[in-house]
Amino acid sequence: MLHLPEEPIHPGRVLFDDFIADFGLACDTVATETGIPLPALESLDKGDAHVTAEMALRLARYFSTSPEFWLNLQRTYDLAQASKTAKGLDQIRPVAAA
């Protein structure tokens, strides 16, 4: 069974709290230097946008992380959110192993 956080952290919070703030950067500087449009970064900050594959590549290069780091943050957030709202999951019976 997959363990998901009860209160998932949006990737935008990680980006802004743990990277942009810690490095003392301005959002418009990050936008310019990564090629990520400023409105996309601002939407990420608000939790209104998702980290895309291209965005993950750009952030990974800029902050010396991996694209998987950013995409895994998004995946974990998405799965945790879906697990709160998905209906009828307990009604699904697993296929028996052959």
PDB file of N, CA and C in Angstrom:
ATOM      1  N   MET A   1       0.834  -1.184   0.000  1.00  0.00           N
ATOM      2  CA  MET A   1       0.000   0.000   0.000  1.00  0.00           C
ATOM      3  C   MET A   1       0.878   1.247   0.000  1.00  0.00           C
ATOM      4  N   LEU A   2       0.495   2.216  -0.769  1.00  0.00           N
ATOM      5  CA  LEU A   2       1.225   3.461  -0.906  1.00  0.00           C
ATOM      6  C   LEU A   2       0.955   4.354   0.294  1.00  0.00           C
ATOM      7  N   HIS A   3       2.011   4.867   0.919  1.00  0.00           N
ATOM      8  CA  HIS A   3       1.868   5.790   2.049  1.00  0.00           C
ATOM      9  C   HIS A   3       1.958   7.216   1.527  1.00  0.00           C
ATOM     10  N   LEU A   4       0.914   7.982   1.768  1.00  0.00           N
ATOM     11  CA  LEU A   4       0.877   9.366   1.311  1.00  0.00           C
ATOM     12  C   LEU A   4       0.690  10.294   2.508  1.00  0.00           C
ATOM     13  N   PRO A   5       1.254  11.479   2.442  1.00  0.00           N
ATOM     14  CA  PRO A   5       1.072  12.429   3.548  1.00  0.00           C
ATOM     15  C   PRO A   5      -0.381  12.880   3.640  1.00  0.00           C
ATOM     16  N   GLU A   6      -0.854  13.050   4.859  1.00  0.00           N
ATOM     17  CA  GLU A   6      -2.230  13.528   5.052  1.00  0.00           C
ATOM     18  C   GLU A   6      -2.388  14.963   4.575  1.00  0.00           C
ATOM     19  N   GLU A   7      -1.396  15.780   4.827  1.00  0.00           N
ATOM     20  CA  GLU A   7      -1.407  17.173   4.379  1.00  0.00           C
ATOM     21  C   GLU A   7      -0.240  17.373   3.421  1.00  0.00           C
ATOM     22  N   PRO A   8      -0.454  17.093   2.155  1.00  0.00           N
ATOM     23  CA  PRO A   8       0.639  17.209   1.189  1.00  0.00           C
ATOM     24  C   PRO A   8       1.078  18.660   1.010  1.00  0.00           C
ATOM     25  N   ILE A   9       2.346  18.812   0.712  1.00  0.00           N
ATOM     26  CA  ILE A   9       2.907  20.137   0.468  1.00  0.00           C
ATOM     27  C   ILE A   9       2.991  20.345  -1.038  1.00  0.00           C
ATOM     28  N   HIS A  10       2.415  21.423  -1.496  1.00  0.00           N
ATOM     29  CA  HIS A  10       2.447  21.731  -2.924  1.00  0.00           C
ATOM     30  C   HIS A  10       3.900  22.017  -3.341  1.00  0.00           C
ATOM     31  N   PRO A  11       4.303  21.548  -4.521  1.00  0.00           N
ATOM     32  CA  PRO A  11       5.669  21.795  -4.987  1.00  0.00           C
ATOM     33  C   PRO A  11       6.039  23.274  -5.029  1.00  0.00           C
ATOM     34  N   GLY A  12       5.070  24.130  -5.240  1.00  0.00           N
ATOM     35  CA  GLY A  12       5.330  25.564  -5.239  1.00  0.00           C
ATOM     36  C   GLY A  12       5.827  26.055  -3.888  1.00  0.00           C
ATOM     37  N   ARG A  13       5.300  25.464  -2.801  1.00  0.00           N
ATOM     38  CA  ARG A  13       5.764  25.835  -1.456  1.00  0.00           C
ATOM     39  C   ARG A  13       7.227  25.448  -1.284  1.00  0.00           C
ATOM     40  N   VAL A  14       7.587  24.261  -1.752  1.00  0.00           N
ATOM     41  CA  VAL A  14       8.976  23.812  -1.656  1.00  0.00           C
ATOM     42  C   VAL A  14       9.871  24.742  -2.469  1.00  0.00           C
ATOM     43  N   LEU A  15       9.445  25.044  -3.683  1.00  0.00           N
ATOM     44  CA  LEU A  15      10.223  25.931  -4.541  1.00  0.00           C
ATOM     45  C   LEU A  15      10.447  27.287  -3.887  1.00  0.00           C
ATOM     46  N   PHE A  16       9.376  27.880  -3.397  1.00  0.00           N
ATOM     47  CA  PHE A  16       9.480  29.238  -2.877  1.00  0.00           C
ATOM     48  C   PHE A  16      10.076  29.291  -1.475  1.00  0.00           C
ATOM     49  N   ASP A  17       9.732  28.338  -0.615  1.00  0.00           N
ATOM     50  CA  ASP A  17      10.232  28.378   0.764  1.00  0.00           C
ATOM     51  C   ASP A  17      11.635  27.808   0.905  1.00  0.00           C
ATOM     52  N   ASP A  18      11.914  26.737   0.192  1.00  0.00           N
ATOM     53  CA  ASP A  18      13.184  26.029   0.384  1.00  0.00           C
ATOM     54  C   ASP A  18      14.250  26.362  -0.662  1.00  0.00           C
ATOM     55  N   PHE A  19      13.873  27.011  -1.730  1.00  0.00           N
ATOM     56  CA  PHE A  19      14.856  27.336  -2.757  1.00  0.00           C
ATOM     57  C   PHE A  19      14.927  28.847  -3.001  1.00  0.00           C
ATOM     58  N   ILE A  20      13.870  29.429  -3.505  1.00  0.00           N
ATOM     59  CA  ILE A  20      13.905  30.847  -3.849  1.00  0.00           C
ATOM     60  C   ILE A  20      14.207  31.705  -2.618  1.00  0.00           C
ATOM     61  N   ALA A  21      13.505  31.472  -1.509  1.00  0.00           N
ATOM     62  CA  ALA A  21      13.754  32.253  -0.293  1.00  0.00           C
ATOM     63  C   ALA A  21      15.130  31.962   0.285  1.00  0.00           C
ATOM     64  N   ASP A  22      15.504  30.692   0.354  1.00  0.00           N
ATOM     65  CA  ASP A  22      16.797  30.327   0.944  1.00  0.00           C
ATOM     66  C   ASP A  22      17.981  30.880   0.153  1.00  0.00           C
ATOM     67  N   PHE A  23      17.823  30.987  -1.161  1.00  0.00           N
ATOM     68  CA  PHE A  23      18.891  31.544  -1.989  1.00  0.00           C
ATOM     69  C   PHE A  23      18.812  33.072  -2.070  1.00  0.00           C
ATOM     70  N   GLY A  24      17.765  33.647  -1.477  1.00  0.00           N
ATOM     71  CA  GLY A  24      17.610  35.094  -1.507  1.00  0.00           C
ATOM     72  C   GLY A  24      17.324  35.633  -2.890  1.00  0.00           C
ATOM     73  N   LEU A  25      16.550  34.880  -3.661  1.00  0.00           N
ATOM     74  CA  LEU A  25      16.267  35.250  -5.047  1.00  0.00           C
ATOM     75  C   LEU A  25      14.919  35.937  -5.172  1.00  0.00           C
ATOM     76  N   ALA A  26      14.780  36.732  -6.195  1.00  0.00           N
ATOM     77  CA  ALA A  26      13.497  37.320  -6.554  1.00  0.00           C
ATOM     78  C   ALA A  26      12.850  36.430  -7.607  1.00  0.00           C
ATOM     79  N   CYS A  27      11.543  36.365  -7.562  1.00  0.00           N
ATOM     80  CA  CYS A  27      10.798  35.517  -8.494  1.00  0.00           C
ATOM     81  C   CYS A  27      11.083  35.899  -9.948  1.00  0.00           C
ATOM     82  N   ASP A  28      11.145  37.193 -10.232  1.00  0.00           N
ATOM     83  CA  ASP A  28      11.397  37.612 -11.611  1.00  0.00           C
ATOM     84  C   ASP A  28      12.806  37.236 -12.063  1.00  0.00           C
ATOM     85  N   THR A  29      13.756  37.192 -11.145  1.00  0.00           N
ATOM     86  CA  THR A  29      15.108  36.744 -11.482  1.00  0.00           C
ATOM     87  C   THR A  29      15.094  35.272 -11.868  1.00  0.00           C
ATOM     88  N   VAL A  30      14.400  34.467 -11.087  1.00  0.00           N
ATOM     89  CA  VAL A  30      14.302  33.034 -11.386  1.00  0.00           C
ATOM     90  C   VAL A  30      13.627  32.839 -12.737  1.00  0.00           C
ATOM     91  N   ALA A  31      12.574  33.598 -12.990  1.00  0.00           N
ATOM     92  CA  ALA A  31      11.869  33.488 -14.266  1.00  0.00           C
ATOM     93  C   ALA A  31      12.808  33.805 -15.429  1.00  0.00           C
ATOM     94  N   THR A  32      13.516  34.897 -15.317  1.00  0.00           N
ATOM     95  CA  THR A  32      14.431  35.310 -16.384  1.00  0.00           C
ATOM     96  C   THR A  32      15.549  34.292 -16.594  1.00  0.00           C
ATOM     97  N   GLU A  33      16.146  33.845 -15.512  1.00  0.00           N
ATOM     98  CA  GLU A  33      17.316  32.975 -15.622  1.00  0.00           C
ATOM     99  C   GLU A  33      16.977  31.517 -15.957  1.00  0.00           C
ATOM    100  N   THR A  34      15.730  31.107 -15.737  1.00  0.00           N
ATOM    101  CA  THR A  34      15.336  29.732 -16.078  1.00  0.00           C
ATOM    102  C   THR A  34      14.546  29.651 -17.378  1.00  0.00           C
ATOM    103  N   GLY A  35      14.004  30.777 -17.817  1.00  0.00           N
ATOM    104  CA  GLY A  35      13.143  30.758 -18.995  1.00  0.00           C
ATOM    105  C   GLY A  35      11.729  30.305 -18.679  1.00  0.00           C
ATOM    106  N   ILE A  36      11.399  30.202 -17.400  1.00  0.00           N
ATOM    107  CA  ILE A  36      10.027  29.867 -16.990  1.00  0.00           C
ATOM    108  C   ILE A  36       9.259  31.182 -16.911  1.00  0.00           C
ATOM    109  N   PRO A  37       8.128  31.283 -17.602  1.00  0.00           N
ATOM    110  CA  PRO A  37       7.370  32.533 -17.567  1.00  0.00           C
ATOM    111  C   PRO A  37       7.001  32.930 -16.140  1.00  0.00           C
ATOM    112  N   LEU A  38       7.131  34.211 -15.840  1.00  0.00           N
ATOM    113  CA  LEU A  38       6.808  34.722 -14.510  1.00  0.00           C
ATOM    114  C   LEU A  38       5.392  34.346 -14.073  1.00  0.00           C
ATOM    115  N   PRO A  39       4.375  34.473 -14.939  1.00  0.00           N
ATOM    116  CA  PRO A  39       3.033  34.066 -14.502  1.00  0.00           C
ATOM    117  C   PRO A  39       2.955  32.588 -14.093  1.00  0.00           C
ATOM    118  N   ALA A  40       3.738  31.727 -14.738  1.00  0.00           N
ATOM    119  CA  ALA A  40       3.736  30.312 -14.374  1.00  0.00           C
ATOM    120  C   ALA A  40       4.331  30.118 -12.982  1.00  0.00           C
ATOM    121  N   LEU A  41       5.404  30.842 -12.685  1.00  0.00           N
ATOM    122  CA  LEU A  41       5.998  30.758 -11.344  1.00  0.00           C
ATOM    123  C   LEU A  41       5.050  31.321 -10.289  1.00  0.00           C
ATOM    124  N   GLU A  42       4.407  32.409 -10.596  1.00  0.00           N
ATOM    125  CA  GLU A  42       3.462  33.005  -9.648  1.00  0.00           C
ATOM    126  C   GLU A  42       2.277  32.078  -9.393  1.00  0.00           C
ATOM    127  N   SER A  43       1.822  31.387 -10.425  1.00  0.00           N
ATOM    128  CA  SER A  43       0.739  30.413 -10.246  1.00  0.00           C
ATOM    129  C   SER A  43       1.193  29.226  -9.402  1.00  0.00           C
ATOM    130  N   LEU A  44       2.434  28.829  -9.581  1.00  0.00           N
ATOM    131  CA  LEU A  44       2.997  27.754  -8.761  1.00  0.00           C
ATOM    132  C   LEU A  44       3.050  28.196  -7.304  1.00  0.00           C
ATOM    133  N   ASP A  45       3.449  29.423  -7.076  1.00  0.00           N
ATOM    134  CA  ASP A  45       3.534  29.959  -5.719  1.00  0.00           C
ATOM    135  C   ASP A  45       2.172  29.926  -5.038  1.00  0.00           C
ATOM    136  N   LYS A  46       1.120  30.207  -5.776  1.00  0.00           N
ATOM    137  CA  LYS A  46      -0.239  30.219  -5.238  1.00  0.00           C
ATOM    138  C   LYS A  46      -0.833  28.811  -5.116  1.00  0.00           C
ATOM    139  N   GLY A  47      -0.157  27.828  -5.696  1.00  0.00           N
ATOM    140  CA  GLY A  47      -0.696  26.467  -5.675  1.00  0.00           C
ATOM    141  C   GLY A  47      -1.708  26.221  -6.771  1.00  0.00           C
ATOM    142  N   ASP A  48      -1.766  27.121  -7.740  1.00  0.00           N
ATOM    143  CA  ASP A  48      -2.737  27.013  -8.829  1.00  0.00           C
ATOM    144  C   ASP A  48      -2.189  26.286 -10.051  1.00  0.00           C
ATOM    145  N   ALA A  49      -0.896  26.008 -10.075  1.00  0.00           N
ATOM    146  CA  ALA A  49      -0.274  25.374 -11.244  1.00  0.00           C
ATOM    147  C   ALA A  49       0.488  24.134 -10.806  1.00  0.00           C
ATOM    148  N   HIS A  50       0.796  23.296 -11.781  1.00  0.00           N
ATOM    149  CA  HIS A  50       1.556  22.075 -11.556  1.00  0.00           C
ATOM    150  C   HIS A  50       2.961  22.231 -12.128  1.00  0.00           C
ATOM    151  N   VAL A  51       3.894  21.481 -11.560  1.00  0.00           N
ATOM    152  CA  VAL A  51       5.230  21.418 -12.133  1.00  0.00           C
ATOM    153  C   VAL A  51       5.146  20.545 -13.383  1.00  0.00           C
ATOM    154  N   THR A  52       5.503  21.094 -14.517  1.00  0.00           N
ATOM    155  CA  THR A  52       5.516  20.340 -15.767  1.00  0.00           C
ATOM    156  C   THR A  52       6.884  19.694 -15.954  1.00  0.00           C
ATOM    157  N   ALA A  53       6.969  18.794 -16.902  1.00  0.00           N
ATOM    158  CA  ALA A  53       8.250  18.146 -17.191  1.00  0.00           C
ATOM    159  C   ALA A  53       9.295  19.175 -17.612  1.00  0.00           C
ATOM    160  N   GLU A  54       8.914  20.113 -18.455  1.00  0.00           N
ATOM    161  CA  GLU A  54       9.871  21.133 -18.883  1.00  0.00           C
ATOM    162  C   GLU A  54      10.285  22.020 -17.718  1.00  0.00           C
ATOM    163  N   MET A  55       9.336  22.388 -16.892  1.00  0.00           N
ATOM    164  CA  MET A  55       9.651  23.199 -15.728  1.00  0.00           C
ATOM    165  C   MET A  55      10.610  22.435 -14.802  1.00  0.00           C
ATOM    166  N   ALA A  56      10.378  21.145 -14.641  1.00  0.00           N
ATOM    167  CA  ALA A  56      11.252  20.314 -13.802  1.00  0.00           C
ATOM    168  C   ALA A  56      12.675  20.308 -14.350  1.00  0.00           C
ATOM    169  N   LEU A  57      12.815  20.219 -15.660  1.00  0.00           N
ATOM    170  CA  LEU A  57      14.149  20.264 -16.269  1.00  0.00           C
ATOM    171  C   LEU A  57      14.842  21.594 -15.992  1.00  0.00           C
ATOM    172  N   ARG A  58      14.107  22.680 -16.129  1.00  0.00           N
ATOM    173  CA  ARG A  58      14.679  24.010 -15.931  1.00  0.00           C
ATOM    174  C   ARG A  58      15.043  24.258 -14.460  1.00  0.00           C
ATOM    175  N   LEU A  59      14.154  23.874 -13.550  1.00  0.00           N
ATOM    176  CA  LEU A  59      14.435  24.048 -12.123  1.00  0.00           C
ATOM    177  C   LEU A  59      15.597  23.173 -11.673  1.00  0.00           C
ATOM    178  N   ALA A  60      15.649  21.963 -12.195  1.00  0.00           N
ATOM    179  CA  ALA A  60      16.740  21.043 -11.838  1.00  0.00           C
ATOM    180  C   ALA A  60      18.085  21.615 -12.259  1.00  0.00           C
ATOM    181  N   ARG A  61      18.142  22.138 -13.454  1.00  0.00           N
ATOM    182  CA  ARG A  61      19.389  22.721 -13.952  1.00  0.00           C
ATOM    183  C   ARG A  61      19.798  23.935 -13.118  1.00  0.00           C
ATOM    184  N   TYR A  62      18.841  24.780 -12.828  1.00  0.00           N
ATOM    185  CA  TYR A  62      19.104  26.030 -12.111  1.00  0.00           C
ATOM    186  C   TYR A  62      19.527  25.796 -10.664  1.00  0.00           C
ATOM    187  N   PHE A  63      18.831  24.868  -9.985  1.00  0.00           N
ATOM    188  CA  PHE A  63      19.097  24.641  -8.563  1.00  0.00           C
ATOM    189  C   PHE A  63      19.971  23.417  -8.297  1.00  0.00           C
ATOM    190  N   SER A  64      20.537  22.833  -9.345  1.00  0.00           N
ATOM    191  CA  SER A  64      21.420  21.662  -9.212  1.00  0.00           C
ATOM    192  C   SER A  64      20.740  20.511  -8.470  1.00  0.00           C
ATOM    193  N   THR A  65      19.507  20.247  -8.888  1.00  0.00           N
ATOM    194  CA  THR A  65      18.770  19.100  -8.373  1.00  0.00           C
ATOM    195  C   THR A  65      18.532  18.173  -9.559  1.00  0.00           C
ATOM    196  N   SER A  66      17.565  17.299  -9.440  1.00  0.00           N
ATOM    197  CA  SER A  66      17.209  16.445 -10.568  1.00  0.00           C
ATOM    198  C   SER A  66      15.778  16.776 -10.997  1.00  0.00           C
ATOM    199  N   PRO A  67      15.455  16.530 -12.264  1.00  0.00           N
ATOM    200  CA  PRO A  67      14.069  16.744 -12.690  1.00  0.00           C
ATOM    201  C   PRO A  67      13.114  15.833 -11.915  1.00  0.00           C
ATOM    202  N   GLU A  68      13.601  14.641 -11.565  1.00  0.00           N
ATOM    203  CA  GLU A  68      12.767  13.696 -10.815  1.00  0.00           C
ATOM    204  C   GLU A  68      12.382  14.259  -9.451  1.00  0.00           C
ATOM    205  N   PHE A  69      13.271  15.034  -8.845  1.00  0.00           N
ATOM    206  CA  PHE A  69      12.953  15.663  -7.559  1.00  0.00           C
ATOM    207  C   PHE A  69      11.673  16.486  -7.677  1.00  0.00           C
ATOM    208  N   TRP A  70      11.611  17.342  -8.685  1.00  0.00           N
ATOM    209  CA  TRP A  70      10.459  18.225  -8.873  1.00  0.00           C
ATOM    210  C   TRP A  70       9.222  17.457  -9.288  1.00  0.00           C
ATOM    211  N   LEU A  71       9.394  16.489 -10.192  1.00  0.00           N
ATOM    212  CA  LEU A  71       8.234  15.705 -10.642  1.00  0.00           C
ATOM    213  C   LEU A  71       7.710  14.798  -9.531  1.00  0.00           C
ATOM    214  N   ASN A  72       8.590  14.294  -8.681  1.00  0.00           N
ATOM    215  CA  ASN A  72       8.136  13.464  -7.559  1.00  0.00           C
ATOM    216  C   ASN A  72       7.382  14.286  -6.525  1.00  0.00           C
ATOM    217  N   LEU A  73       7.796  15.522  -6.300  1.00  0.00           N
ATOM    218  CA  LEU A  73       7.020  16.403  -5.423  1.00  0.00           C
ATOM    219  C   LEU A  73       5.604  16.570  -5.960  1.00  0.00           C
ATOM    220  N   GLN A  74       5.515  16.793  -7.280  1.00  0.00           N
ATOM    221  CA  GLN A  74       4.202  16.979  -7.897  1.00  0.00           C
ATOM    222  C   GLN A  74       3.383  15.701  -7.833  1.00  0.00           C
ATOM    223  N   ARG A  75       4.012  14.569  -8.128  1.00  0.00           N
ATOM    224  CA  ARG A  75       3.314  13.278  -8.102  1.00  0.00           C
ATOM    225  C   ARG A  75       2.782  12.970  -6.705  1.00  0.00           C
ATOM    226  N   THR A  76       3.608  13.174  -5.699  1.00  0.00           N
ATOM    227  CA  THR A  76       3.192  12.907  -4.321  1.00  0.00           C
ATOM    228  C   THR A  76       2.030  13.807  -3.928  1.00  0.00           C
ATOM    229  N   TYR A  77       2.108  15.063  -4.307  1.00  0.00           N
ATOM    230  CA  TYR A  77       1.023  16.002  -4.016  1.00  0.00           C
ATOM    231  C   TYR A  77      -0.267  15.577  -4.717  1.00  0.00           C
ATOM    232  N   ASP A  78      -0.164  15.259  -6.000  1.00  0.00           N
ATOM    233  CA  ASP A  78      -1.345  14.875  -6.774  1.00  0.00           C
ATOM    234  C   ASP A  78      -2.001  13.612  -6.220  1.00  0.00           C
ATOM    235  N   LEU A  79      -1.200  12.607  -5.888  1.00  0.00           N
ATOM    236  CA  LEU A  79      -1.752  11.360  -5.349  1.00  0.00           C
ATOM    237  C   LEU A  79      -2.404  11.579  -3.992  1.00  0.00           C
ATOM    238  N   ALA A  80      -1.790  12.392  -3.157  1.00  0.00           N
ATOM    239  CA  ALA A  80      -2.367  12.666  -1.844  1.00  0.00           C
ATOM    240  C   ALA A  80      -3.690  13.411  -1.981  1.00  0.00           C
ATOM    241  N   GLN A  81      -3.745  14.358  -2.888  1.00  0.00           N
ATOM    242  CA  GLN A  81      -4.996  15.089  -3.125  1.00  0.00           C
ATOM    243  C   GLN A  81      -6.069  14.146  -3.665  1.00  0.00           C
ATOM    244  N   ALA A  82      -5.697  13.307  -4.625  1.00  0.00           N
ATOM    245  CA  ALA A  82      -6.663  12.378  -5.222  1.00  0.00           C
ATOM    246  C   ALA A  82      -7.163  11.367  -4.198  1.00  0.00           C
ATOM    247  N   SER A  83      -6.297  10.947  -3.293  1.00  0.00           N
ATOM    248  CA  SER A  83      -6.720   9.957  -2.294  1.00  0.00           C
ATOM    249  C   SER A  83      -7.765  10.538  -1.344  1.00  0.00           C
ATOM    250  N   LYS A  84      -7.797  11.855  -1.217  1.00  0.00           N
ATOM    251  CA  LYS A  84      -8.798  12.511  -0.373  1.00  0.00           C
ATOM    252  C   LYS A  84     -10.162  12.591  -1.060  1.00  0.00           C
ATOM    253  N   THR A  85     -10.165  12.639  -2.370  1.00  0.00           N
ATOM    254  CA  THR A  85     -11.417  12.889  -3.091  1.00  0.00           C
ATOM    255  C   THR A  85     -11.937  11.694  -3.888  1.00  0.00           C
ATOM    256  N   ALA A  86     -11.089  10.704  -4.145  1.00  0.00           N
ATOM    257  CA  ALA A  86     -11.513   9.560  -4.951  1.00  0.00           C
ATOM    258  C   ALA A  86     -12.579   8.768  -4.199  1.00  0.00           C
ATOM    259  N   LYS A  87     -13.634   8.455  -4.879  1.00  0.00           N
ATOM    260  CA  LYS A  87     -14.740   7.710  -4.272  1.00  0.00           C
ATOM    261  C   LYS A  87     -14.739   6.272  -4.793  1.00  0.00           C
ATOM    262  N   GLY A  88     -15.091   5.349  -3.945  1.00  0.00           N
ATOM    263  CA  GLY A  88     -15.279   3.959  -4.349  1.00  0.00           C
ATOM    264  C   GLY A  88     -14.015   3.134  -4.474  1.00  0.00           C
ATOM    265  N   LEU A  89     -12.881   3.644  -4.015  1.00  0.00           N
ATOM    266  CA  LEU A  89     -11.650   2.864  -4.130  1.00  0.00           C
ATOM    267  C   LEU A  89     -11.737   1.564  -3.334  1.00  0.00           C
ATOM    268  N   ASP A  90     -12.420   1.612  -2.189  1.00  0.00           N
ATOM    269  CA  ASP A  90     -12.535   0.415  -1.365  1.00  0.00           C
ATOM    270  C   ASP A  90     -13.455  -0.632  -1.998  1.00  0.00           C
ATOM    271  N   GLN A  91     -14.181  -0.254  -3.011  1.00  0.00           N
ATOM    272  CA  GLN A  91     -15.052  -1.197  -3.719  1.00  0.00           C
ATOM    273  C   GLN A  91     -14.303  -1.994  -4.783  1.00  0.00           C
ATOM    274  N   ILE A  92     -13.115  -1.575  -5.118  1.00  0.00           N
ATOM    275  CA  ILE A  92     -12.329  -2.249  -6.152  1.00  0.00           C
ATOM    276  C   ILE A  92     -11.649  -3.453  -5.554  1.00  0.00           C
ATOM    277  N   ARG A  93     -11.863  -4.590  -6.173  1.00  0.00           N
ATOM    278  CA  ARG A  93     -11.239  -5.831  -5.719  1.00  0.00           C
ATOM    279  C   ARG A  93     -10.023  -6.119  -6.566  1.00  0.00           C
ATOM    280  N   PRO A  94      -8.857  -6.327  -5.931  1.00  0.00           N
ATOM    281  CA  PRO A  94      -7.636  -6.620  -6.697  1.00  0.00           C
ATOM    282  C   PRO A  94      -7.778  -7.916  -7.489  1.00  0.00           C
ATOM    283  N   VAL A  95      -7.129  -7.963  -8.626  1.00  0.00           N
ATOM    284  CA  VAL A  95      -7.094  -9.157  -9.455  1.00  0.00           C
ATOM    285  C   VAL A  95      -6.234 -10.189  -8.723  1.00  0.00           C
ATOM    286  N   ALA A  96      -6.714 -11.424  -8.655  1.00  0.00           N
ATOM    287  CA  ALA A  96      -5.950 -12.487  -7.989  1.00  0.00           C
ATOM    288  C   ALA A  96      -4.746 -12.860  -8.831  1.00  0.00           C
ATOM    289  N   ALA A  97      -3.631 -13.133  -8.146  1.00  0.00           N
ATOM    290  CA  ALA A  97      -2.420 -13.570  -8.844  1.00  0.00           C
ATOM    291  C   ALA A  97      -2.642 -14.932  -9.454  1.00  0.00           C
ATOM    292  N   ALA A  98      -2.070 -15.146 -10.642  1.00  0.00           N
ATOM    293  CA  ALA A  98      -2.259 -16.429 -11.334  1.00  0.00           C
ATOM    294  C   ALA A  98      -1.413 -17.512 -10.731  1.00  0.00           C
TER     295      ALA A  98
END
